[in-house]
Amino acid sequence: MDREEIICNCMEITHGEIVDAIKSHRLQTVVEIGDATEAGTVCGSCQDDIALILKTVNV
């Protein structure tokens, strides 16, 4: 995925922002990512994509 790709359309959060938050805060769950970035906190339709990103990022 491209760092600039919008993952959360409701909050306009990019792939890169999610990856950066995971790495800098050592996030381990979709809920933690939502708390840190607001991604996935409105309609929730991107939570599966966030979970996939979480699986691919090495903290």
C-alpha atoms as a PDB file:
ATOM      1  CA  MET A   1       0.000   0.000   0.000  1.00  0.00           C
ATOM      2  CA  ASP A   2       1.026   3.555  -0.693  1.00  0.00           C
ATOM      3  CA  ARG A   3       1.696   5.705   2.406  1.00  0.00           C
ATOM      4  CA  GLU A   4      -0.665   8.368   1.039  1.00  0.00           C
ATOM      5  CA  GLU A   5      -3.570   5.970   0.449  1.00  0.00           C
ATOM      6  CA  ILE A   6      -6.595   6.949   2.517  1.00  0.00           C
ATOM      7  CA  ILE A   7      -7.584   4.014   4.730  1.00  0.00           C
ATOM      8  CA  CYS A   8     -10.211   5.739   6.873  1.00  0.00           C
ATOM      9  CA  ASN A   9     -12.417   7.835   4.627  1.00  0.00           C
ATOM     10  CA  CYS A  10     -14.478   9.283   7.484  1.00  0.00           C
ATOM     11  CA  MET A  11     -11.466  10.780   9.242  1.00  0.00           C
ATOM     12  CA  GLU A  12      -9.170  10.976   6.161  1.00  0.00           C
ATOM     13  CA  ILE A  13      -6.414   8.936   7.842  1.00  0.00           C
ATOM     14  CA  THR A  14      -3.715   7.569   5.539  1.00  0.00           C
ATOM     15  CA  HIS A  15      -1.881   4.277   5.540  1.00  0.00           C
ATOM     16  CA  GLY A  16       1.310   6.110   6.500  1.00  0.00           C
ATOM     17  CA  GLU A  17      -0.319   7.811   9.483  1.00  0.00           C
ATOM     18  CA  ILE A  18      -1.528   4.451  10.780  1.00  0.00           C
ATOM     19  CA  VAL A  19       1.871   2.805  10.315  1.00  0.00           C
ATOM     20  CA  ASP A  20       3.622   5.709  12.027  1.00  0.00           C
ATOM     21  CA  ALA A  21       1.216   5.554  14.984  1.00  0.00           C
ATOM     22  CA  ILE A  22       1.682   1.783  15.340  1.00  0.00           C
ATOM     23  CA  LYS A  23       5.453   2.139  15.367  1.00  0.00           C
ATOM     24  CA  SER A  24       5.773   5.206  17.563  1.00  0.00           C
ATOM     25  CA  HIS A  25       3.263   4.097  20.201  1.00  0.00           C
ATOM     26  CA  ARG A  26       3.769   0.318  19.883  1.00  0.00           C
ATOM     27  CA  LEU A  27       0.058  -0.163  19.234  1.00  0.00           C
ATOM     28  CA  GLN A  28      -1.246  -3.706  19.185  1.00  0.00           C
ATOM     29  CA  THR A  29      -4.995  -3.508  18.518  1.00  0.00           C
ATOM     30  CA  VAL A  30      -7.418  -1.788  16.172  1.00  0.00           C
ATOM     31  CA  VAL A  31      -8.965  -0.048  19.195  1.00  0.00           C
ATOM     32  CA  GLU A  32      -5.571   1.364  20.217  1.00  0.00           C
ATOM     33  CA  ILE A  33      -5.061   2.631  16.672  1.00  0.00           C
ATOM     34  CA  GLY A  34      -8.491   4.264  16.785  1.00  0.00           C
ATOM     35  CA  ASP A  35      -7.672   5.928  20.090  1.00  0.00           C
ATOM     36  CA  ALA A  36      -4.372   7.247  18.735  1.00  0.00           C
ATOM     37  CA  THR A  37      -5.500   8.319  15.246  1.00  0.00           C
ATOM     38  CA  GLU A  38      -9.337   8.241  15.229  1.00  0.00           C
ATOM     39  CA  ALA A  39      -9.150   5.822  12.273  1.00  0.00           C
ATOM     40  CA  GLY A  40     -12.029   3.358  12.319  1.00  0.00           C
ATOM     41  CA  THR A  41     -13.968   5.228  14.988  1.00  0.00           C
ATOM     42  CA  VAL A  42     -16.869   6.595  12.935  1.00  0.00           C
ATOM     43  CA  CYS A  43     -18.479   4.018  10.638  1.00  0.00           C
ATOM     44  CA  GLY A  44     -15.985   1.199  11.265  1.00  0.00           C
ATOM     45  CA  SER A  45     -15.857   0.011   7.658  1.00  0.00           C
ATOM     46  CA  CYS A  46     -12.056   0.381   7.545  1.00  0.00           C
ATOM     47  CA  GLN A  47     -11.351  -1.674  10.668  1.00  0.00           C
ATOM     48  CA  ASP A  48     -10.553  -4.808   8.626  1.00  0.00           C
ATOM     49  CA  ASP A  49      -8.008  -2.812   6.601  1.00  0.00           C
ATOM     50  CA  ILE A  50      -6.519  -1.413   9.804  1.00  0.00           C
ATOM     51  CA  ALA A  51      -6.218  -4.951  11.202  1.00  0.00           C
ATOM     52  CA  LEU A  52      -4.364  -6.032   8.046  1.00  0.00           C
ATOM     53  CA  ILE A  53      -1.959  -3.117   8.357  1.00  0.00           C
ATOM     54  CA  LEU A  54      -1.392  -4.004  12.002  1.00  0.00           C
ATOM     55  CA  LYS A  55      -0.408  -7.558  11.010  1.00  0.00           C
ATOM     56  CA  THR A  56       2.186  -6.314   8.504  1.00  0.00           C
ATOM     57  CA  VAL A  57       3.950  -3.747  10.695  1.00  0.00           C
ATOM     58  CA  ASN A  58       6.886  -4.904  12.771  1.00  0.00           C
ATOM     59  CA  VAL A  59       7.002  -2.962  16.020  1.00  0.00           C
END
